[in-house]
Amino acid sequence: MAKLSEAAVKQISEICDRYANETTPLMMILSDIQKEYGYVPVDVQEIVSEKTGISVAEIYGVVTFYSFFSLKPKGKYIIGCCLGTACYVKGAQQIIDEFCEILGIKPGETTDDGMFTIDALRCIGACGIAPAVTINGTVYPKMEVSQVAGVINDYRSRED
C-alpha cells in the first residue's frame, strides 16, 4: 500500500465512518483495516487520525502494542510459534529456530515470496499440547523440530 489509491482512501474513510457514533472506535476501525489490507501502515494511520481526531501517536501506539496488528504486510501463511513457558520448556525455541533457518527469516519477518511470516507468540493457551504452533489459525500440537520441514513443504504445495 506504498501509495494509497483514491479507492483505498475512500474505503478507509468508510471504515472510519462505520464507527462514527462509537465512544471508543479505534480498535474496531483498526481491526477492520487489518482484515481488509493485512496491515496498518503509517499512511493509513494518518487517514484514521484525520477522520477520528485521534492522534497518530496514539494510533501508532495501539498498532504496535497489539500483536494482531502489523505495520508491514504479512505472508499468506502466518506461522505463530508459542514461546510461553510450557512450550518453551518443551523445545519451542528450537522449533522457531528451525522455521527461521528453513525459511531464511527472523520472527516478525516475511519471506521474499510473500508466502510465510513467522511470529513469536508469548502464550496461545495451549499448554497441554505444548509445544504448539499455529498456521493461519490451525493448531499443530506437540510440534517437533523434525516435523517443521514437512509442514513448510505441505503449505508450499497448496494452491489455495
N, C-alpha and C. Protein backbone atom coordinates (compact mmCIF):
# COMPACT_ATOMS: atom_id res chain seq x y z
N MET A 1 0.83 -1.18 0.00
CA MET A 1 0.00 0.00 0.00
C MET A 1 0.88 1.25 0.00
N ALA A 2 2.04 1.18 -0.68
CA ALA A 2 3.01 2.27 -0.67
C ALA A 2 2.36 3.61 -0.97
N LYS A 3 1.68 3.71 -2.10
CA LYS A 3 0.91 4.92 -2.42
C LYS A 3 -0.54 4.52 -2.40
N LEU A 4 -1.30 5.19 -1.58
CA LEU A 4 -2.71 4.83 -1.46
C LEU A 4 -3.51 5.33 -2.65
N SER A 5 -4.28 4.44 -3.21
CA SER A 5 -5.15 4.81 -4.31
C SER A 5 -6.34 5.60 -3.76
N GLU A 6 -7.01 6.29 -4.63
CA GLU A 6 -8.20 7.04 -4.23
C GLU A 6 -9.25 6.09 -3.65
N ALA A 7 -9.36 4.90 -4.28
CA ALA A 7 -10.33 3.91 -3.80
C ALA A 7 -9.98 3.44 -2.39
N ALA A 8 -8.68 3.26 -2.11
CA ALA A 8 -8.26 2.81 -0.78
C ALA A 8 -8.56 3.89 0.26
N VAL A 9 -8.27 5.14 -0.07
CA VAL A 9 -8.56 6.24 0.85
C VAL A 9 -10.06 6.30 1.13
N LYS A 10 -10.86 6.12 0.09
CA LYS A 10 -12.32 6.14 0.25
C LYS A 10 -12.77 4.99 1.16
N GLN A 11 -12.21 3.80 0.94
CA GLN A 11 -12.60 2.65 1.75
C GLN A 11 -12.21 2.83 3.21
N ILE A 12 -11.03 3.37 3.45
CA ILE A 12 -10.58 3.61 4.82
C ILE A 12 -11.49 4.64 5.49
N SER A 13 -11.86 5.65 4.75
CA SER A 13 -12.80 6.66 5.27
C SER A 13 -14.14 6.03 5.61
N GLU A 14 -14.61 5.14 4.75
CA GLU A 14 -15.88 4.46 5.01
C GLU A 14 -15.80 3.59 6.26
N ILE A 15 -14.66 2.92 6.44
CA ILE A 15 -14.48 2.10 7.66
C ILE A 15 -14.56 3.01 8.88
N CYS A 16 -13.91 4.15 8.83
CA CYS A 16 -13.96 5.09 9.96
C CYS A 16 -15.39 5.57 10.21
N ASP A 17 -16.10 5.86 9.12
CA ASP A 17 -17.48 6.36 9.24
C ASP A 17 -18.41 5.34 9.89
N ARG A 18 -18.14 4.05 9.68
CA ARG A 18 -18.98 2.99 10.28
C ARG A 18 -19.07 3.13 11.80
N TYR A 19 -17.99 3.63 12.39
CA TYR A 19 -17.89 3.67 13.85
C TYR A 19 -17.95 5.09 14.39
N ALA A 20 -18.48 6.02 13.60
CA ALA A 20 -18.52 7.43 13.99
C ALA A 20 -19.30 7.66 15.29
N ASN A 21 -20.29 6.83 15.57
CA ASN A 21 -21.11 7.02 16.77
C ASN A 21 -20.60 6.25 17.99
N GLU A 22 -19.50 5.54 17.83
CA GLU A 22 -18.93 4.78 18.94
C GLU A 22 -18.11 5.71 19.84
N THR A 23 -18.12 5.43 21.13
CA THR A 23 -17.35 6.22 22.08
C THR A 23 -15.85 5.98 21.89
N THR A 24 -15.49 4.72 21.71
CA THR A 24 -14.08 4.37 21.53
C THR A 24 -13.95 3.48 20.28
N PRO A 25 -13.87 4.09 19.12
CA PRO A 25 -13.93 3.34 17.87
C PRO A 25 -12.60 2.76 17.37
N LEU A 26 -11.49 3.16 17.96
CA LEU A 26 -10.19 2.87 17.35
C LEU A 26 -9.93 1.39 17.10
N MET A 27 -10.16 0.55 18.09
CA MET A 27 -9.87 -0.88 17.91
C MET A 27 -10.72 -1.49 16.78
N MET A 28 -11.96 -1.08 16.69
CA MET A 28 -12.84 -1.61 15.64
C MET A 28 -12.38 -1.14 14.26
N ILE A 29 -12.00 0.12 14.17
CA ILE A 29 -11.52 0.66 12.90
C ILE A 29 -10.25 -0.05 12.47
N LEU A 30 -9.29 -0.15 13.38
CA LEU A 30 -8.01 -0.79 13.05
C LEU A 30 -8.20 -2.27 12.71
N SER A 31 -9.09 -2.92 13.42
CA SER A 31 -9.37 -4.33 13.14
C SER A 31 -9.92 -4.51 11.73
N ASP A 32 -10.86 -3.67 11.35
CA ASP A 32 -11.44 -3.75 10.00
C ASP A 32 -10.39 -3.47 8.93
N ILE A 33 -9.53 -2.50 9.18
CA ILE A 33 -8.47 -2.18 8.21
C ILE A 33 -7.49 -3.34 8.11
N GLN A 34 -7.12 -3.90 9.26
CA GLN A 34 -6.20 -5.05 9.25
C GLN A 34 -6.80 -6.22 8.47
N LYS A 35 -8.10 -6.47 8.68
CA LYS A 35 -8.77 -7.56 7.95
C LYS A 35 -8.78 -7.30 6.44
N GLU A 36 -9.01 -6.06 6.08
CA GLU A 36 -9.12 -5.69 4.67
C GLU A 36 -7.78 -5.70 3.94
N TYR A 37 -6.76 -5.15 4.57
CA TYR A 37 -5.48 -4.96 3.88
C TYR A 37 -4.36 -5.86 4.38
N GLY A 38 -4.52 -6.44 5.58
CA GLY A 38 -3.49 -7.31 6.12
C GLY A 38 -2.47 -6.59 6.98
N TYR A 39 -2.53 -5.25 6.99
CA TYR A 39 -1.62 -4.48 7.83
C TYR A 39 -2.14 -3.04 7.93
N VAL A 40 -1.51 -2.25 8.83
CA VAL A 40 -1.96 -0.88 9.07
C VAL A 40 -0.73 0.04 9.03
N PRO A 41 -0.29 0.43 7.84
CA PRO A 41 0.90 1.28 7.74
C PRO A 41 0.62 2.71 8.22
N VAL A 42 1.68 3.48 8.40
CA VAL A 42 1.57 4.82 8.96
C VAL A 42 0.70 5.73 8.08
N ASP A 43 0.79 5.62 6.75
CA ASP A 43 -0.03 6.50 5.92
C ASP A 43 -1.53 6.24 6.13
N VAL A 44 -1.89 5.01 6.43
CA VAL A 44 -3.29 4.69 6.75
C VAL A 44 -3.64 5.24 8.13
N GLN A 45 -2.72 5.15 9.06
CA GLN A 45 -2.95 5.69 10.40
C GLN A 45 -3.20 7.20 10.33
N GLU A 46 -2.52 7.88 9.41
CA GLU A 46 -2.73 9.33 9.25
C GLU A 46 -4.15 9.63 8.78
N ILE A 47 -4.68 8.81 7.88
CA ILE A 47 -6.07 8.99 7.42
C ILE A 47 -7.03 8.76 8.57
N VAL A 48 -6.79 7.69 9.35
CA VAL A 48 -7.64 7.40 10.50
C VAL A 48 -7.59 8.57 11.49
N SER A 49 -6.42 9.13 11.69
CA SER A 49 -6.27 10.27 12.59
C SER A 49 -7.10 11.46 12.10
N GLU A 50 -7.01 11.76 10.81
CA GLU A 50 -7.79 12.88 10.25
C GLU A 50 -9.29 12.66 10.41
N LYS A 51 -9.73 11.41 10.20
CA LYS A 51 -11.17 11.11 10.26
C LYS A 51 -11.71 11.07 11.69
N THR A 52 -10.88 10.67 12.65
CA THR A 52 -11.37 10.45 14.01
C THR A 52 -10.93 11.52 15.02
N GLY A 53 -9.88 12.25 14.68
CA GLY A 53 -9.34 13.22 15.64
C GLY A 53 -8.42 12.58 16.67
N ILE A 54 -8.17 11.29 16.54
CA ILE A 54 -7.24 10.59 17.43
C ILE A 54 -5.84 10.81 16.88
N SER A 55 -4.89 11.14 17.73
CA SER A 55 -3.54 11.45 17.26
C SER A 55 -2.88 10.23 16.61
N VAL A 56 -2.00 10.49 15.65
CA VAL A 56 -1.25 9.42 15.02
C VAL A 56 -0.41 8.69 16.06
N ALA A 57 0.12 9.42 17.03
CA ALA A 57 0.92 8.80 18.08
C ALA A 57 0.12 7.77 18.86
N GLU A 58 -1.13 8.09 19.19
CA GLU A 58 -1.98 7.15 19.92
C GLU A 58 -2.31 5.94 19.04
N ILE A 59 -2.63 6.20 17.79
CA ILE A 59 -2.96 5.10 16.86
C ILE A 59 -1.75 4.19 16.69
N TYR A 60 -0.59 4.78 16.47
CA TYR A 60 0.65 4.01 16.31
C TYR A 60 0.93 3.18 17.56
N GLY A 61 0.68 3.76 18.72
CA GLY A 61 0.88 3.04 19.98
C GLY A 61 -0.01 1.80 20.08
N VAL A 62 -1.24 1.92 19.63
CA VAL A 62 -2.17 0.78 19.65
C VAL A 62 -1.72 -0.28 18.64
N VAL A 63 -1.36 0.16 17.43
CA VAL A 63 -0.95 -0.78 16.38
C VAL A 63 0.30 -1.55 16.79
N THR A 64 1.24 -0.88 17.44
CA THR A 64 2.48 -1.56 17.83
C THR A 64 2.36 -2.33 19.14
N PHE A 65 1.35 -2.01 19.95
CA PHE A 65 1.18 -2.73 21.21
C PHE A 65 0.55 -4.10 21.00
N TYR A 66 -0.49 -4.16 20.17
CA TYR A 66 -1.22 -5.42 19.98
C TYR A 66 -0.61 -6.22 18.85
N SER A 67 -0.29 -7.48 19.14
CA SER A 67 0.43 -8.31 18.17
C SER A 67 -0.40 -8.68 16.94
N PHE A 68 -1.73 -8.56 17.00
CA PHE A 68 -2.53 -8.92 15.84
C PHE A 68 -2.57 -7.81 14.80
N PHE A 69 -2.05 -6.61 15.14
CA PHE A 69 -1.90 -5.56 14.15
C PHE A 69 -0.47 -5.60 13.62
N SER A 70 -0.31 -5.17 12.39
CA SER A 70 1.02 -5.18 11.79
C SER A 70 1.24 -3.90 11.00
N LEU A 71 2.46 -3.40 11.02
CA LEU A 71 2.84 -2.23 10.23
C LEU A 71 3.26 -2.62 8.82
N LYS A 72 3.57 -3.90 8.64
CA LYS A 72 4.04 -4.38 7.33
C LYS A 72 3.14 -5.52 6.87
N PRO A 73 3.07 -5.73 5.56
CA PRO A 73 2.26 -6.86 5.08
C PRO A 73 2.79 -8.18 5.62
N LYS A 74 1.86 -9.07 5.90
CA LYS A 74 2.24 -10.41 6.36
C LYS A 74 2.09 -11.39 5.22
N GLY A 75 2.69 -12.55 5.41
CA GLY A 75 2.64 -13.57 4.38
C GLY A 75 1.27 -14.23 4.27
N LYS A 76 1.12 -15.00 3.22
CA LYS A 76 -0.11 -15.76 3.01
C LYS A 76 -0.35 -16.71 4.18
N TYR A 77 0.74 -17.29 4.68
CA TYR A 77 0.66 -18.21 5.82
C TYR A 77 1.43 -17.60 6.99
N ILE A 78 0.72 -17.38 8.09
CA ILE A 78 1.34 -16.79 9.27
C ILE A 78 1.59 -17.90 10.28
N ILE A 79 2.86 -18.14 10.51
CA ILE A 79 3.29 -19.19 11.43
C ILE A 79 3.49 -18.56 12.80
N GLY A 80 2.68 -18.97 13.76
CA GLY A 80 2.82 -18.47 15.12
C GLY A 80 3.42 -19.55 16.00
N CYS A 81 4.60 -19.27 16.49
CA CYS A 81 5.28 -20.23 17.37
C CYS A 81 5.14 -19.76 18.81
N CYS A 82 4.46 -20.54 19.61
CA CYS A 82 4.27 -20.19 21.01
C CYS A 82 5.58 -20.36 21.77
N LEU A 83 5.97 -19.30 22.47
CA LEU A 83 7.17 -19.35 23.30
C LEU A 83 6.81 -19.14 24.77
N GLY A 84 5.55 -19.41 25.12
CA GLY A 84 5.15 -19.36 26.52
C GLY A 84 5.90 -20.41 27.32
N THR A 85 5.83 -20.34 28.61
CA THR A 85 6.64 -21.20 29.47
C THR A 85 6.50 -22.68 29.16
N ALA A 86 5.29 -23.20 29.08
CA ALA A 86 5.10 -24.64 28.83
C ALA A 86 5.70 -25.04 27.48
N CYS A 87 5.46 -24.25 26.46
CA CYS A 87 6.01 -24.56 25.13
C CYS A 87 7.52 -24.42 25.13
N TYR A 88 8.00 -23.36 25.78
CA TYR A 88 9.45 -23.11 25.79
C TYR A 88 10.22 -24.26 26.43
N VAL A 89 9.74 -24.74 27.58
CA VAL A 89 10.47 -25.81 28.26
C VAL A 89 10.40 -27.13 27.49
N LYS A 90 9.46 -27.23 26.55
CA LYS A 90 9.36 -28.44 25.73
C LYS A 90 9.98 -28.28 24.35
N GLY A 91 10.81 -27.23 24.18
CA GLY A 91 11.59 -27.11 22.95
C GLY A 91 11.10 -26.13 21.91
N ALA A 92 10.23 -25.22 22.28
CA ALA A 92 9.68 -24.27 21.31
C ALA A 92 10.75 -23.40 20.65
N GLN A 93 11.78 -23.05 21.40
CA GLN A 93 12.83 -22.20 20.80
C GLN A 93 13.51 -22.92 19.63
N GLN A 94 13.76 -24.22 19.79
CA GLN A 94 14.39 -24.98 18.71
C GLN A 94 13.45 -25.07 17.50
N ILE A 95 12.16 -25.12 17.76
CA ILE A 95 11.17 -25.21 16.67
C ILE A 95 11.14 -23.90 15.89
N ILE A 96 11.05 -22.77 16.59
CA ILE A 96 11.03 -21.50 15.87
C ILE A 96 12.36 -21.27 15.15
N ASP A 97 13.45 -21.70 15.76
CA ASP A 97 14.77 -21.59 15.11
C ASP A 97 14.79 -22.38 13.80
N GLU A 98 14.16 -23.55 13.80
CA GLU A 98 14.12 -24.39 12.59
C GLU A 98 13.27 -23.74 11.50
N PHE A 99 12.11 -23.20 11.87
CA PHE A 99 11.30 -22.47 10.89
C PHE A 99 12.12 -21.32 10.29
N CYS A 100 12.80 -20.57 11.15
CA CYS A 100 13.60 -19.43 10.69
C CYS A 100 14.73 -19.88 9.77
N GLU A 101 15.40 -20.94 10.15
CA GLU A 101 16.51 -21.46 9.34
C GLU A 101 16.03 -21.89 7.96
N ILE A 102 14.98 -22.67 7.90
CA ILE A 102 14.48 -23.18 6.63
C ILE A 102 13.95 -22.05 5.75
N LEU A 103 13.24 -21.10 6.34
CA LEU A 103 12.63 -20.02 5.56
C LEU A 103 13.57 -18.83 5.33
N GLY A 104 14.67 -18.78 6.08
CA GLY A 104 15.63 -17.70 5.89
C GLY A 104 15.16 -16.35 6.39
N ILE A 105 14.31 -16.36 7.42
CA ILE A 105 13.80 -15.11 8.01
C ILE A 105 13.85 -15.21 9.52
N LYS A 106 13.66 -14.06 10.17
CA LYS A 106 13.60 -13.99 11.62
C LYS A 106 12.14 -13.77 12.05
N PRO A 107 11.83 -14.00 13.33
CA PRO A 107 10.48 -13.70 13.80
C PRO A 107 10.10 -12.25 13.48
N GLY A 108 8.87 -12.08 13.02
CA GLY A 108 8.40 -10.76 12.63
C GLY A 108 8.64 -10.43 11.17
N GLU A 109 9.34 -11.30 10.46
CA GLU A 109 9.66 -11.07 9.06
C GLU A 109 8.82 -11.95 8.15
N THR A 110 8.79 -11.56 6.88
CA THR A 110 8.05 -12.29 5.85
C THR A 110 9.02 -12.70 4.75
N THR A 111 8.83 -13.90 4.22
CA THR A 111 9.69 -14.36 3.13
C THR A 111 9.52 -13.46 1.91
N ASP A 112 10.56 -13.38 1.09
CA ASP A 112 10.54 -12.52 -0.10
C ASP A 112 9.39 -12.85 -1.05
N ASP A 113 8.98 -14.13 -1.09
CA ASP A 113 7.90 -14.51 -1.99
C ASP A 113 6.51 -14.23 -1.41
N GLY A 114 6.47 -13.69 -0.17
CA GLY A 114 5.20 -13.34 0.45
C GLY A 114 4.40 -14.53 0.96
N MET A 115 5.01 -15.69 0.99
CA MET A 115 4.30 -16.91 1.42
C MET A 115 4.19 -17.04 2.95
N PHE A 116 5.28 -16.75 3.67
CA PHE A 116 5.32 -17.06 5.09
C PHE A 116 5.76 -15.86 5.93
N THR A 117 5.13 -15.72 7.08
CA THR A 117 5.56 -14.79 8.12
C THR A 117 5.71 -15.63 9.39
N ILE A 118 6.75 -15.36 10.15
CA ILE A 118 6.93 -16.05 11.43
C ILE A 118 6.69 -15.05 12.56
N ASP A 119 5.82 -15.42 13.49
CA ASP A 119 5.56 -14.61 14.67
C ASP A 119 5.89 -15.42 15.92
N ALA A 120 6.64 -14.80 16.82
CA ALA A 120 6.91 -15.41 18.12
C ALA A 120 5.78 -14.97 19.05
N LEU A 121 5.03 -15.93 19.56
CA LEU A 121 3.89 -15.63 20.42
C LEU A 121 4.24 -15.93 21.87
N ARG A 122 3.67 -15.18 22.78
CA ARG A 122 4.00 -15.38 24.20
C ARG A 122 3.24 -16.52 24.83
N CYS A 123 1.99 -16.70 24.54
CA CYS A 123 1.23 -17.84 25.04
C CYS A 123 -0.07 -17.90 24.26
N ILE A 124 -0.39 -19.06 23.75
CA ILE A 124 -1.64 -19.20 23.00
C ILE A 124 -2.67 -20.02 23.78
N GLY A 125 -2.34 -20.34 25.01
CA GLY A 125 -3.29 -21.06 25.87
C GLY A 125 -3.42 -22.53 25.53
N ALA A 126 -2.39 -23.08 24.92
CA ALA A 126 -2.42 -24.50 24.53
C ALA A 126 -1.35 -25.28 25.29
N CYS A 127 -1.20 -24.97 26.55
CA CYS A 127 -0.13 -25.54 27.36
C CYS A 127 -0.16 -27.07 27.42
N GLY A 128 -1.34 -27.65 27.38
CA GLY A 128 -1.49 -29.10 27.46
C GLY A 128 -1.00 -29.83 26.22
N ILE A 129 -0.82 -29.09 25.12
CA ILE A 129 -0.35 -29.72 23.87
C ILE A 129 0.97 -29.10 23.42
N ALA A 130 1.72 -28.59 24.39
CA ALA A 130 2.99 -27.93 24.11
C ALA A 130 4.03 -28.91 23.56
N PRO A 131 4.90 -28.40 22.72
CA PRO A 131 4.95 -27.08 22.12
C PRO A 131 3.96 -26.95 20.96
N ALA A 132 3.30 -25.81 20.91
CA ALA A 132 2.25 -25.60 19.91
C ALA A 132 2.66 -24.53 18.89
N VAL A 133 2.23 -24.77 17.66
CA VAL A 133 2.46 -23.84 16.56
C VAL A 133 1.10 -23.63 15.89
N THR A 134 0.83 -22.42 15.44
CA THR A 134 -0.38 -22.16 14.68
C THR A 134 0.01 -21.66 13.29
N ILE A 135 -0.76 -22.05 12.31
CA ILE A 135 -0.59 -21.51 10.96
C ILE A 135 -1.98 -21.12 10.49
N ASN A 136 -2.17 -19.81 10.35
CA ASN A 136 -3.48 -19.26 9.95
C ASN A 136 -4.63 -19.86 10.77
N GLY A 137 -4.40 -20.02 12.05
CA GLY A 137 -5.45 -20.49 12.95
C GLY A 137 -5.49 -21.99 13.18
N THR A 138 -4.80 -22.76 12.35
CA THR A 138 -4.73 -24.21 12.56
C THR A 138 -3.64 -24.49 13.58
N VAL A 139 -3.97 -25.24 14.62
CA VAL A 139 -3.02 -25.53 15.68
C VAL A 139 -2.32 -26.86 15.41
N TYR A 140 -1.01 -26.82 15.53
CA TYR A 140 -0.19 -28.02 15.40
C TYR A 140 0.33 -28.36 16.80
N PRO A 141 -0.25 -29.41 17.43
CA PRO A 141 0.13 -29.74 18.80
C PRO A 141 1.41 -30.58 18.85
N LYS A 142 2.08 -30.46 19.99
CA LYS A 142 3.27 -31.27 20.28
C LYS A 142 4.22 -31.30 19.09
N MET A 143 4.49 -30.13 18.54
CA MET A 143 5.35 -29.98 17.37
C MET A 143 6.77 -30.42 17.72
N GLU A 144 7.40 -31.05 16.76
CA GLU A 144 8.79 -31.47 16.92
C GLU A 144 9.61 -30.84 15.80
N VAL A 145 10.87 -30.59 16.08
CA VAL A 145 11.77 -29.99 15.09
C VAL A 145 11.77 -30.81 13.81
N SER A 146 11.70 -32.12 13.93
CA SER A 146 11.73 -32.99 12.75
C SER A 146 10.50 -32.83 11.85
N GLN A 147 9.43 -32.21 12.36
CA GLN A 147 8.21 -32.02 11.57
C GLN A 147 8.18 -30.71 10.79
N VAL A 148 9.04 -29.78 11.13
CA VAL A 148 8.98 -28.42 10.59
C VAL A 148 9.10 -28.41 9.07
N ALA A 149 10.09 -29.08 8.51
CA ALA A 149 10.29 -29.06 7.06
C ALA A 149 9.06 -29.62 6.33
N GLY A 150 8.48 -30.67 6.85
CA GLY A 150 7.30 -31.26 6.24
C GLY A 150 6.10 -30.31 6.25
N VAL A 151 5.93 -29.60 7.36
CA VAL A 151 4.83 -28.64 7.46
C VAL A 151 5.03 -27.53 6.42
N ILE A 152 6.22 -27.00 6.32
CA ILE A 152 6.51 -25.95 5.34
C ILE A 152 6.25 -26.47 3.92
N ASN A 153 6.74 -27.66 3.63
CA ASN A 153 6.53 -28.22 2.28
C ASN A 153 5.05 -28.43 1.98
N ASP A 154 4.28 -28.82 2.98
CA ASP A 154 2.83 -29.00 2.81
C ASP A 154 2.19 -27.69 2.38
N TYR A 155 2.55 -26.61 3.05
CA TYR A 155 1.95 -25.30 2.72
C TYR A 155 2.47 -24.79 1.38
N ARG A 156 3.71 -25.06 1.06
CA ARG A 156 4.24 -24.62 -0.24
C ARG A 156 3.53 -25.30 -1.40
N SER A 157 3.04 -26.53 -1.17
CA SER A 157 2.41 -27.30 -2.25
C SER A 157 0.92 -26.98 -2.42
N ARG A 158 0.37 -26.17 -1.51
CA ARG A 158 -1.06 -25.84 -1.59
C ARG A 158 -1.31 -24.81 -2.70
N GLU A 159 -2.47 -24.88 -3.25
CA GLU A 159 -2.83 -23.94 -4.31
C GLU A 159 -4.03 -23.07 -3.94
N ASP A 160 -4.33 -22.98 -2.63
CA ASP A 160 -5.50 -22.17 -2.23
C ASP A 160 -5.20 -20.73 -2.10
